[in-house]
Amino acid sequence: MDENKNNAPDTAQNESIQFEETFDENEMTMDAAKEVEQPLAGAEEAVDNASAALQAEIEKLQAEIAGFDDKYLRLQADYQNFRKRTSKDVAAARGYAVSDTVTPFLQVFDYFNMAMKAAEQTDNVASLVQGMNMIQAQFSKALEELNVVPFDAVGKKFDPAIHEAVATEPSDSVPEGTVIRQWNCGYKLGDQLLRPARVVVSGGKDAAESKEK
């Protein structure tokens, strides 16, 4: 019995020591947990900030895309309007070109109709010739107003750029490669060739001699 009494303080002291050790261990565990929690909290905050920044960037890009879509639709509408205006301008220009081309020949056509009626009502050849001369003069004037210039090729060196050879004939007097005569004169609009002169080209004296033999 006495031994139990003597051992009681020791037991209490041991329990107190064990409690203190357990408490210290718990404190150390809590401190370690706090040390772990602090970086985790910082990481979560960084993730939240990055997520918010990413969401803001996404919203910004979506707004820019919407703006691009609006600009694209506006450009498409402007392009369609431009095509319509261009089509109208081309049609108008074509109409003006036809008008400018036809108008000078209307008077020529009037003279031609007058000559046809005169031919039906008279046998006066001189009068008919006079009418034809008037038509020719008016026709030449109409071409001149359009800057269309006829050119002759007779006596010129054959040039495939402006002449079209329809035949070759031997000649004692005309050098080989020279135009002897033309079937149709050529026409130019400024420097642009409208129609080549259709010509007969000399084959030269040798060709003439060969033909005689």
Protein backbone atom coordinates (compact mmCIF):
# COMPACT_ATOMS: atom_id res chain seq x y z
CA MET A 1 0.00 0.00 0.00
CA ASP A 2 2.77 2.35 0.88
CA GLU A 3 4.58 1.45 -2.28
CA ASN A 4 1.57 2.50 -4.29
CA LYS A 5 1.55 5.81 -2.50
CA ASN A 6 5.22 6.29 -3.18
CA ASN A 7 4.77 5.46 -6.85
CA ALA A 8 1.83 7.82 -7.34
CA PRO A 9 3.90 11.01 -7.72
CA ASP A 10 6.16 9.29 -10.20
CA THR A 11 3.20 8.20 -12.24
CA ALA A 12 1.72 11.67 -12.25
CA GLN A 13 5.04 13.11 -13.19
CA ASN A 14 5.40 10.68 -16.07
CA GLU A 15 1.91 11.43 -17.29
CA SER A 16 2.67 15.15 -17.15
CA ILE A 17 5.85 14.63 -19.14
CA GLN A 18 4.04 12.53 -21.71
CA PHE A 19 1.32 15.17 -22.01
CA GLU A 20 3.88 17.90 -22.51
CA GLU A 21 5.66 15.83 -25.14
CA THR A 22 2.37 15.11 -26.90
CA PHE A 23 1.43 18.81 -26.76
CA ASP A 24 4.80 19.79 -28.17
CA GLU A 25 4.41 17.27 -30.98
CA ASN A 26 0.93 18.60 -31.75
CA GLU A 27 2.28 22.15 -31.81
CA MET A 28 5.03 21.09 -34.17
CA THR A 29 2.49 19.36 -36.41
CA MET A 30 0.27 22.47 -36.44
CA ASP A 31 3.24 24.70 -37.22
CA ALA A 32 4.27 22.40 -40.06
CA ALA A 33 0.69 22.44 -41.37
CA LYS A 34 0.71 26.22 -41.24
CA GLU A 35 3.99 26.31 -43.10
CA VAL A 36 2.45 24.08 -45.81
CA GLU A 37 -0.84 26.00 -45.89
CA GLN A 38 0.83 29.37 -46.47
CA PRO A 39 2.49 28.40 -49.81
CA LEU A 40 -0.72 26.62 -50.86
CA ALA A 41 -2.74 29.72 -50.13
CA GLY A 42 -0.27 31.79 -52.12
CA ALA A 43 -0.44 29.32 -55.01
CA GLU A 44 -4.24 29.36 -55.00
CA GLU A 45 -4.21 33.16 -55.04
CA ALA A 46 -1.75 33.15 -57.96
CA VAL A 47 -3.95 30.67 -59.83
CA ASP A 48 -7.02 32.83 -59.19
CA ASN A 49 -5.18 35.92 -60.45
CA ALA A 50 -3.94 34.08 -63.54
CA SER A 51 -7.44 32.75 -64.20
CA ALA A 52 -8.93 36.22 -63.90
CA ALA A 53 -6.27 37.65 -66.22
CA LEU A 54 -6.88 34.84 -68.72
CA GLN A 55 -10.63 35.42 -68.59
CA ALA A 56 -10.10 39.14 -69.18
CA GLU A 57 -7.83 38.37 -72.15
CA ILE A 58 -10.43 35.97 -73.57
CA GLU A 59 -13.14 38.61 -73.27
CA LYS A 60 -10.85 41.15 -74.94
CA LEU A 61 -10.13 38.78 -77.84
CA GLN A 62 -13.82 37.98 -78.21
CA ALA A 63 -14.56 41.69 -78.43
CA GLU A 64 -11.85 42.13 -81.06
CA ILE A 65 -13.23 39.19 -83.07
CA ALA A 66 -16.69 40.73 -82.95
CA GLY A 67 -15.19 43.99 -84.17
CA PHE A 68 -13.42 42.19 -87.03
CA ASP A 69 -16.68 40.48 -88.00
CA ASP A 70 -18.40 43.85 -88.13
CA LYS A 71 -15.61 45.35 -90.22
CA TYR A 72 -15.69 42.34 -92.57
CA LEU A 73 -19.44 42.72 -93.10
CA ARG A 74 -19.02 46.44 -93.74
CA LEU A 75 -16.19 45.80 -96.22
CA GLN A 76 -18.24 43.15 -97.97
CA ALA A 77 -21.17 45.55 -98.30
CA ASP A 78 -18.85 48.31 -99.56
CA TYR A 79 -17.34 45.91 -102.11
CA GLN A 80 -20.77 44.90 -103.41
CA ASN A 81 -21.73 48.57 -103.73
CA PHE A 82 -18.43 49.23 -105.53
CA ARG A 83 -19.14 46.40 -107.99
CA LYS A 84 -22.58 47.77 -108.69
CA ARG A 85 -21.23 51.29 -109.24
CA THR A 86 -18.44 49.97 -111.46
CA SER A 87 -20.89 47.93 -113.50
CA LYS A 88 -23.06 51.00 -114.01
CA ASP A 89 -20.03 53.13 -114.91
CA VAL A 90 -18.83 50.55 -117.46
CA ALA A 91 -22.29 50.32 -119.00
CA ALA A 92 -22.50 54.11 -119.15
CA ALA A 93 -19.01 54.37 -120.68
CA ARG A 94 -19.92 51.73 -123.28
CA GLY A 95 -23.05 53.70 -124.12
CA TYR A 96 -21.08 56.93 -124.49
CA ALA A 97 -18.52 55.15 -126.69
CA VAL A 98 -21.24 53.79 -128.98
CA SER A 99 -22.89 57.20 -129.12
CA ASP A 100 -19.62 58.97 -129.94
CA THR A 101 -18.86 56.39 -132.64
CA VAL A 102 -22.27 56.27 -134.30
CA THR A 103 -23.13 59.97 -134.26
CA PRO A 104 -20.60 61.07 -136.93
CA PHE A 105 -21.96 58.42 -139.32
CA LEU A 106 -25.60 59.44 -139.02
CA GLN A 107 -25.10 62.23 -141.52
CA VAL A 108 -23.32 59.80 -143.84
CA PHE A 109 -26.32 57.51 -143.65
CA ASP A 110 -28.64 60.43 -144.39
CA TYR A 111 -26.65 61.27 -147.53
CA PHE A 112 -26.71 57.64 -148.56
CA ASN A 113 -30.51 57.49 -148.27
CA MET A 114 -30.77 60.72 -150.28
CA ALA A 115 -28.55 59.21 -153.01
CA MET A 116 -30.65 56.04 -153.12
CA LYS A 117 -33.85 58.06 -153.59
CA ALA A 118 -32.22 60.20 -156.27
CA ALA A 119 -31.04 57.09 -158.13
CA GLU A 120 -34.64 55.85 -158.25
CA GLN A 121 -35.94 59.14 -159.63
CA THR A 122 -33.28 60.22 -162.16
CA ASP A 123 -30.99 58.90 -164.84
CA ASN A 124 -28.58 61.80 -164.44
CA VAL A 125 -25.27 60.03 -163.84
CA ALA A 126 -23.46 63.29 -163.01
CA SER A 127 -25.95 63.99 -160.24
CA LEU A 128 -25.49 60.48 -158.82
CA VAL A 129 -21.71 60.83 -158.92
CA GLN A 130 -22.00 64.14 -157.11
CA GLY A 131 -24.11 62.48 -154.43
CA MET A 132 -21.58 59.67 -154.02
CA ASN A 133 -18.78 62.23 -153.69
CA MET A 134 -20.73 63.94 -150.91
CA ILE A 135 -21.12 60.61 -149.11
CA GLN A 136 -17.41 59.88 -149.45
CA ALA A 137 -16.47 63.31 -148.12
CA GLN A 138 -18.83 63.00 -145.18
CA PHE A 139 -17.56 59.51 -144.45
CA SER A 140 -13.95 60.74 -144.42
CA LYS A 141 -14.97 63.57 -142.07
CA ALA A 142 -16.64 61.11 -139.69
CA LEU A 143 -13.49 58.96 -139.56
CA GLU A 144 -11.36 62.04 -138.97
CA GLU A 145 -13.54 63.06 -136.01
CA LEU A 146 -12.90 59.63 -134.51
CA ASN A 147 -9.14 59.98 -135.11
CA VAL A 148 -9.26 57.07 -137.58
CA VAL A 149 -6.69 57.52 -140.32
CA PRO A 150 -6.56 55.42 -143.53
CA PHE A 151 -3.17 54.58 -145.00
CA ASP A 152 -2.10 53.31 -148.45
CA ALA A 153 0.51 50.65 -149.00
CA VAL A 154 1.16 50.88 -152.78
CA GLY A 155 4.87 51.31 -153.48
CA LYS A 156 5.80 50.57 -149.85
CA LYS A 157 8.01 47.77 -148.65
CA PHE A 158 5.83 44.91 -147.44
CA ASP A 159 5.48 45.07 -143.65
CA PRO A 160 3.65 42.12 -142.04
CA ALA A 161 2.89 44.31 -139.02
CA ILE A 162 0.54 46.53 -141.04
CA HIS A 163 0.08 44.68 -144.36
CA GLU A 164 -1.77 41.48 -145.21
CA ALA A 165 -0.48 39.80 -148.38
CA VAL A 166 -3.32 38.26 -150.39
CA ALA A 167 -1.20 37.41 -153.44
CA THR A 168 2.27 37.62 -154.97
CA GLU A 169 2.87 38.62 -158.57
CA PRO A 170 6.05 38.74 -160.69
CA SER A 171 7.11 42.19 -161.88
CA ASP A 172 9.85 43.60 -164.09
CA SER A 173 9.47 47.12 -162.73
CA VAL A 174 8.59 46.68 -159.03
CA PRO A 175 11.32 45.31 -156.73
CA GLU A 176 10.70 42.07 -154.92
CA GLY A 177 8.91 42.51 -151.59
CA THR A 178 7.29 45.80 -152.60
CA VAL A 179 3.53 46.29 -152.67
CA ILE A 180 2.26 46.44 -156.29
CA ARG A 181 -1.32 47.31 -155.45
CA GLN A 182 -3.81 47.02 -152.62
CA TRP A 183 -7.28 45.59 -152.45
CA ASN A 184 -8.21 47.50 -149.30
CA CYS A 185 -6.43 50.35 -147.55
CA GLY A 186 -5.50 49.97 -143.90
CA TYR A 187 -6.79 51.98 -140.94
CA LYS A 188 -5.18 53.19 -137.73
CA LEU A 189 -6.64 54.70 -134.59
CA GLY A 190 -3.76 56.86 -133.47
CA ASP A 191 -0.87 54.40 -133.24
CA GLN A 192 -3.18 51.39 -132.94
CA LEU A 193 -3.77 49.28 -136.05
CA LEU A 194 -7.47 48.80 -136.71
CA ARG A 195 -7.15 46.89 -139.99
CA PRO A 196 -4.11 45.95 -142.06
CA ALA A 197 -3.97 46.90 -145.73
CA ARG A 198 -4.73 43.90 -147.96
CA VAL A 199 -2.08 43.97 -150.66
CA VAL A 200 -0.50 42.22 -153.66
CA VAL A 201 3.28 41.91 -153.29
CA SER A 202 5.85 41.85 -156.07
CA GLY A 203 7.76 38.63 -156.56
CA GLY A 204 10.50 40.48 -158.48
CA LYS A 205 12.01 40.28 -161.95
CA ASP A 206 13.32 36.73 -161.53
CA ALA A 207 9.79 35.50 -160.91
CA ALA A 208 8.64 37.34 -164.04
CA GLU A 209 11.35 35.71 -166.16
CA SER A 210 10.55 32.29 -164.74
CA LYS A 211 6.88 32.83 -165.57
CA GLU A 212 7.74 33.79 -169.18
CA LYS A 213 9.86 30.67 -169.60
